[in-house]
Amino acid sequence: MPLAQEISRYLGIELGPMVRKNFADGEVYVQVQESIRGCDVYLIQPTCRPVNDHLTELLIMIDACRRASARQITAVMPYYGYARADRKTAGRESITAKLVANLIVQSGADRVIAMDLHSAQIQGYFDIPCDHVYGSPVLFDYLNEKKLPDLVVVSPDVGGVARARAFAKKLGDAPLAIIDKRRQSHNVAEVMNVIGDVSGKTAVIVDDMIDTAGTIYEAAKLLRKEGARQVYACATHAIFSPPAIDRLSSGVFEEVIVTNSTPVRQENYFPQLRVLSVADLLGETIWRVHEDTSVSSMFR
């Protein structure tokens, strides 16, 4: 994938050769094409769409590396699929985020590097070290360069207040607003009202991911109604499930700013979209993990 190639360029090393194919019945085959005996191996694999295929590939790659006598195996997951299934919200449900963590550990991984987990407590689902890194520094740099006037950072729901507050602090201690919403069912959100002053301001909605874009689309319309001069959307993960593109390109957003933590297909590009690279950030994280130096200091 292009992100892995960018990371390898940052580190000044070549990507390790690997064969990956499907058998006629759909089963996945993986073979590492060089000796990795005694090596520290970093497997870069976001478990995005198709989620189950990418997750299965990751597990098989980990197992292949373990059986090839790698010294240490780190799963680098720019996007952690199933992260939203981090708790039970009704009876007889699975906590799939924990199940995925178990599978990664049992397949033989020694460490995980994950970016912008939907819930920070997912770190605790692993029985191995898990470095939780953030794509926000890339977003900060982009927004600071734009020097947006009268900035207000907006959390699209109460659960994202901590993320938005940290974001606002990095943008010159900008004021904070919150969207009060009531979710009716999966992938459907009803926006209720705005807590905070957005009139005449440039509103930046901050979230960890954009899936169907229902939440931020309704939030943006409400912010416009409440007098916001411009509305920007910022998120690390661009999932873009239908009808996200229709909503995001409707004209309600000045810009939609995301990262390449998941590949954005060419047909999903639209004029307002800005895709920033997290390759250097992940490359630096990998280098620090390998050299046993601090990772958390990158985000202070």
Protein backbone atom coordinates (compact mmCIF):
# COMPACT_ATOMS: atom_id res chain seq x y z
CA MET A 1 0.00 0.00 0.00
CA PRO A 2 1.23 3.58 -0.63
CA LEU A 3 1.33 4.42 3.10
CA ALA A 4 3.72 1.53 3.79
CA GLN A 5 5.94 2.70 0.94
CA GLU A 6 6.01 6.24 2.36
CA ILE A 7 6.90 4.90 5.81
CA SER A 8 9.74 2.81 4.37
CA ARG A 9 11.11 5.88 2.57
CA TYR A 10 11.03 7.85 5.83
CA LEU A 11 12.99 5.08 7.57
CA GLY A 12 15.38 4.70 4.65
CA ILE A 13 14.77 0.98 4.22
CA GLU A 14 13.06 -1.19 1.62
CA LEU A 15 9.75 -2.90 2.22
CA GLY A 16 10.24 -6.61 2.84
CA PRO A 17 9.05 -8.74 -0.09
CA MET A 18 5.94 -10.79 0.58
CA VAL A 19 3.61 -12.84 -1.61
CA ARG A 20 -0.09 -12.58 -0.89
CA LYS A 21 -2.77 -14.28 -2.97
CA ASN A 22 -6.16 -15.94 -2.76
CA PHE A 23 -6.81 -19.56 -3.58
CA ALA A 24 -9.78 -20.45 -5.78
CA ASP A 25 -11.99 -20.97 -2.72
CA GLY A 26 -11.07 -17.54 -1.30
CA GLU A 27 -8.55 -18.69 1.31
CA VAL A 28 -5.61 -16.33 1.86
CA TYR A 29 -2.01 -17.38 1.22
CA VAL A 30 0.97 -15.40 2.55
CA GLN A 31 4.70 -16.11 2.20
CA VAL A 32 7.58 -13.90 3.33
CA GLN A 33 10.13 -13.80 0.52
CA GLU A 34 13.32 -13.31 2.54
CA SER A 35 14.82 -14.59 5.77
CA ILE A 36 13.56 -12.74 8.84
CA ARG A 37 15.13 -15.05 11.43
CA GLY A 38 16.12 -12.96 14.45
CA CYS A 39 14.69 -9.75 12.93
CA ASP A 40 12.29 -7.17 14.33
CA VAL A 41 9.35 -7.21 11.92
CA TYR A 42 6.81 -4.38 11.55
CA LEU A 43 3.66 -5.37 9.66
CA ILE A 44 1.75 -2.32 8.38
CA GLN A 45 -1.90 -3.21 7.88
CA PRO A 46 -4.99 -1.06 8.49
CA THR A 47 -8.01 -3.30 9.01
CA CYS A 48 -10.30 -1.14 6.90
CA ARG A 49 -12.73 -2.15 4.16
CA PRO A 50 -12.87 -5.07 3.39
CA VAL A 51 -12.39 -5.38 7.15
CA ASN A 52 -12.54 -9.15 7.52
CA ASP A 53 -10.16 -9.75 4.60
CA HIS A 54 -7.58 -7.32 5.94
CA LEU A 55 -7.87 -8.68 9.48
CA THR A 56 -7.40 -12.25 8.25
CA GLU A 57 -4.37 -11.17 6.20
CA LEU A 58 -2.83 -9.53 9.25
CA LEU A 59 -3.31 -12.61 11.42
CA ILE A 60 -1.82 -14.88 8.75
CA MET A 61 1.14 -12.51 8.23
CA ILE A 62 1.82 -12.49 11.97
CA ASP A 63 1.67 -16.28 12.10
CA ALA A 64 3.97 -16.60 9.08
CA CYS A 65 6.53 -14.28 10.69
CA ARG A 66 6.35 -16.13 14.00
CA ARG A 67 6.94 -19.47 12.26
CA ALA A 68 9.85 -17.88 10.36
CA SER A 69 11.58 -17.18 13.71
CA ALA A 70 11.24 -13.38 13.75
CA ARG A 71 12.68 -11.97 16.99
CA GLN A 72 9.82 -9.53 17.56
CA ILE A 73 6.64 -8.85 15.59
CA THR A 74 4.83 -5.51 15.75
CA ALA A 75 1.43 -5.05 14.14
CA VAL A 76 1.22 -1.45 12.92
CA MET A 77 -2.48 -0.66 12.52
CA PRO A 78 -3.11 2.85 11.16
CA TYR A 79 -6.81 1.98 11.45
CA TYR A 80 -8.18 -0.56 13.94
CA GLY A 81 -11.32 -2.16 12.55
CA TYR A 82 -14.16 -3.11 14.92
CA ALA A 83 -13.01 -0.39 17.35
CA ARG A 84 -16.57 0.88 17.71
CA ALA A 85 -17.64 -2.48 19.15
CA ASP A 86 -15.74 -1.70 22.36
CA ARG A 87 -18.55 -2.45 24.81
CA LYS A 88 -21.95 -4.07 25.04
CA THR A 89 -24.83 -1.68 24.34
CA ALA A 90 -27.51 -4.39 24.45
CA GLY A 91 -27.85 -7.95 25.63
CA ARG A 92 -26.26 -10.86 23.74
CA GLU A 93 -23.77 -8.67 21.83
CA SER A 94 -20.09 -9.35 21.23
CA ILE A 95 -17.34 -6.99 22.35
CA THR A 96 -15.62 -7.45 19.01
CA ALA A 97 -12.82 -4.94 19.66
CA LYS A 98 -11.64 -7.21 22.49
CA LEU A 99 -12.03 -10.32 20.32
CA VAL A 100 -9.83 -8.77 17.62
CA ALA A 101 -7.20 -7.90 20.24
CA ASN A 102 -7.25 -11.51 21.45
CA LEU A 103 -6.80 -12.81 17.90
CA ILE A 104 -3.81 -10.53 17.28
CA VAL A 105 -2.14 -11.63 20.52
CA GLN A 106 -2.84 -15.32 19.96
CA SER A 107 -1.53 -15.20 16.40
CA GLY A 108 1.89 -14.25 17.77
CA ALA A 109 2.25 -10.45 17.81
CA ASP A 110 4.59 -9.00 20.45
CA ARG A 111 3.43 -5.38 20.19
CA VAL A 112 0.77 -3.25 18.53
CA ILE A 113 1.01 0.32 17.25
CA ALA A 114 -2.50 1.70 16.69
CA MET A 115 -3.55 5.14 15.53
CA ASP A 116 -6.51 7.09 16.94
CA LEU A 117 -8.44 4.24 18.49
CA HIS A 118 -12.15 5.00 18.73
CA SER A 119 -11.90 4.44 22.49
CA ALA A 120 -8.63 4.77 24.39
CA GLN A 121 -9.54 1.85 26.67
CA ILE A 122 -8.99 -0.55 23.74
CA GLN A 123 -5.30 -0.35 24.67
CA GLY A 124 -6.22 -2.35 27.75
CA TYR A 125 -7.73 -5.14 25.65
CA PHE A 126 -4.23 -6.28 24.67
CA ASP A 127 -2.06 -8.50 26.86
CA ILE A 128 0.98 -7.14 25.01
CA PRO A 129 2.31 -3.55 24.77
CA CYS A 130 0.08 -1.28 22.69
CA ASP A 131 1.36 2.14 21.64
CA HIS A 132 -1.60 4.43 20.95
CA VAL A 133 -0.53 7.23 18.61
CA TYR A 134 -2.49 10.13 17.17
CA GLY A 135 -2.85 11.65 13.73
CA SER A 136 -3.72 15.03 15.23
CA PRO A 137 -0.23 16.61 14.92
CA VAL A 138 -0.56 16.36 11.13
CA LEU A 139 -3.97 18.05 11.32
CA PHE A 140 -2.66 20.73 13.72
CA ASP A 141 0.15 21.67 11.37
CA TYR A 142 -2.22 21.99 8.42
CA LEU A 143 -4.75 24.13 10.29
CA ASN A 144 -2.11 26.33 11.92
CA GLU A 145 -0.66 27.08 8.48
CA LYS A 146 -4.09 28.22 7.27
CA LYS A 147 -4.37 30.75 10.14
CA LEU A 148 -8.16 30.51 10.26
CA PRO A 149 -9.80 33.58 11.87
CA ASP A 150 -12.21 33.39 14.84
CA LEU A 151 -11.68 29.66 15.25
CA VAL A 152 -13.97 27.49 17.37
CA VAL A 153 -13.40 23.74 17.75
CA VAL A 154 -16.57 21.66 17.75
CA SER A 155 -17.11 18.21 19.22
CA PRO A 156 -19.81 16.33 17.24
CA ASP A 157 -21.04 14.63 20.43
CA VAL A 158 -20.49 14.59 24.18
CA GLY A 159 -18.21 11.55 23.92
CA GLY A 160 -15.72 13.47 21.79
CA VAL A 161 -15.30 16.44 24.15
CA ALA A 162 -11.91 15.31 25.50
CA ARG A 163 -10.57 14.93 21.94
CA ALA A 164 -11.95 18.32 20.88
CA ARG A 165 -10.63 20.04 24.01
CA ALA A 166 -7.11 18.72 23.39
CA PHE A 167 -7.41 19.79 19.75
CA ALA A 168 -8.53 23.29 20.75
CA LYS A 169 -5.62 23.65 23.16
CA LYS A 170 -3.15 22.93 20.35
CA LEU A 171 -4.84 25.55 18.16
CA GLY A 172 -4.01 28.48 20.38
CA ASP A 173 -6.46 27.51 23.13
CA ALA A 174 -9.42 28.08 20.81
CA PRO A 175 -12.94 28.12 22.29
CA LEU A 176 -14.96 24.90 22.34
CA ALA A 177 -18.51 24.07 21.25
CA ILE A 178 -20.42 20.79 21.58
CA ILE A 179 -23.16 19.27 19.47
CA ASP A 180 -25.85 17.66 21.61
CA LYS A 181 -27.27 14.74 19.65
CA ARG A 182 -29.43 11.68 20.10
CA ARG A 183 -28.47 8.56 18.10
CA GLN A 184 -31.57 6.66 17.00
CA SER A 185 -29.90 3.57 15.48
CA HIS A 186 -26.60 2.40 13.92
CA ASN A 187 -25.25 4.92 11.35
CA VAL A 188 -28.17 7.32 11.98
CA ALA A 189 -27.81 10.42 14.15
CA GLU A 190 -30.22 13.21 15.03
CA VAL A 191 -28.63 16.54 15.86
CA MET A 192 -30.40 18.54 18.56
CA ASN A 193 -28.59 21.77 19.46
CA VAL A 194 -25.25 23.56 19.88
CA ILE A 195 -23.69 24.20 23.26
CA GLY A 196 -21.40 27.20 22.83
CA ASP A 197 -21.10 30.30 20.64
CA VAL A 198 -20.40 29.72 16.93
CA SER A 199 -21.99 32.82 15.42
CA GLY A 200 -19.64 34.55 12.97
CA LYS A 201 -16.88 32.04 13.66
CA THR A 202 -14.93 29.45 11.69
CA ALA A 203 -16.08 26.10 13.07
CA VAL A 204 -13.79 23.06 12.94
CA ILE A 205 -15.58 19.80 13.68
CA VAL A 206 -13.17 17.22 15.11
CA ASP A 207 -13.76 13.45 15.17
CA ASP A 208 -11.69 10.28 15.01
CA MET A 209 -13.37 8.98 11.84
CA ILE A 210 -15.88 9.81 9.13
CA ASP A 211 -18.00 6.81 8.18
CA THR A 212 -21.38 7.66 6.63
CA ALA A 213 -20.80 11.33 7.61
CA GLY A 214 -24.31 11.53 9.08
CA THR A 215 -23.11 13.02 12.36
CA ILE A 216 -20.84 15.73 10.98
CA TYR A 217 -23.17 16.55 8.09
CA GLU A 218 -26.08 17.26 10.42
CA ALA A 219 -23.71 19.08 12.76
CA ALA A 220 -22.42 21.27 9.93
CA LYS A 221 -25.93 22.20 8.83
CA LEU A 222 -26.79 23.14 12.40
CA LEU A 223 -23.61 25.20 12.77
CA ARG A 224 -24.46 27.09 9.57
CA LYS A 225 -27.96 27.69 10.90
CA GLU A 226 -26.48 29.02 14.15
CA GLY A 227 -24.40 31.55 12.20
CA ALA A 228 -21.01 29.89 11.66
CA ARG A 229 -19.22 31.64 8.80
CA GLN A 230 -17.30 28.56 7.62
CA VAL A 231 -17.34 24.90 8.63
CA TYR A 232 -14.35 22.55 8.37
CA ALA A 233 -14.37 18.83 9.17
CA CYS A 234 -11.26 17.11 10.56
CA ALA A 235 -10.84 13.38 11.14
CA THR A 236 -7.98 10.91 11.12
CA HIS A 237 -9.81 8.01 9.46
CA ALA A 238 -11.67 8.42 6.16
CA ILE A 239 -13.97 5.38 6.04
CA PHE A 240 -16.42 7.05 3.63
CA SER A 241 -19.28 4.55 3.55
CA PRO A 242 -22.20 5.61 1.33
CA PRO A 243 -23.71 8.20 1.33
CA ALA A 244 -20.70 9.98 2.87
CA ILE A 245 -19.35 11.47 -0.37
CA ASP A 246 -22.73 12.99 -1.29
CA ARG A 247 -22.98 14.60 2.14
CA LEU A 248 -19.40 15.83 2.33
CA SER A 249 -19.41 17.31 -1.18
CA SER A 250 -22.80 19.01 -0.79
CA GLY A 251 -21.23 22.43 -0.19
CA VAL A 252 -21.85 22.71 3.55
CA PHE A 253 -18.12 22.19 4.27
CA GLU A 254 -15.34 24.57 3.32
CA GLU A 255 -12.88 21.67 3.55
CA VAL A 256 -12.92 18.06 4.72
CA ILE A 257 -9.48 17.22 6.14
CA VAL A 258 -8.51 13.58 6.68
CA THR A 259 -5.36 11.44 6.67
CA ASN A 260 -4.23 8.44 4.65
CA SER A 261 -4.52 6.07 7.63
CA THR A 262 -6.93 4.22 5.35
CA PRO A 263 -6.60 4.34 1.55
CA VAL A 264 -8.97 6.84 -0.09
CA ARG A 265 -10.13 5.46 -3.44
CA GLN A 266 -9.78 7.81 -6.39
CA GLU A 267 -13.53 7.81 -7.05
CA ASN A 268 -14.09 9.12 -3.51
CA TYR A 269 -12.15 12.33 -4.06
CA PHE A 270 -14.14 15.56 -4.25
CA PRO A 271 -13.07 19.24 -4.47
CA GLN A 272 -13.27 19.99 -0.73
CA LEU A 273 -11.25 16.92 0.31
CA ARG A 274 -7.71 17.27 1.69
CA VAL A 275 -5.80 14.05 2.44
CA LEU A 276 -2.73 14.48 4.67
CA SER A 277 -0.04 11.84 5.11
CA VAL A 278 0.72 10.24 8.49
CA ALA A 279 3.69 8.32 7.06
CA ASP A 280 6.37 10.40 8.78
CA LEU A 281 4.53 10.21 12.09
CA LEU A 282 4.20 6.42 11.90
CA GLY A 283 7.76 6.08 10.64
CA GLU A 284 9.05 8.08 13.59
CA THR A 285 6.96 5.94 15.95
CA ILE A 286 8.41 2.74 14.50
CA TRP A 287 11.94 4.11 14.82
CA ARG A 288 11.37 5.10 18.47
CA VAL A 289 9.88 1.72 19.35
CA HIS A 290 12.81 -0.03 17.69
CA GLU A 291 15.33 2.18 19.52
CA ASP A 292 13.48 1.91 22.87
CA THR A 293 12.93 5.67 23.13
CA SER A 294 9.83 7.59 24.20
CA VAL A 295 6.78 7.58 21.93
CA SER A 296 4.48 9.65 24.15
CA SER A 297 6.83 12.66 23.96
CA MET A 298 5.82 13.05 20.30
CA PHE A 299 2.33 14.12 21.35
CA ARG A 300 2.97 16.47 24.29
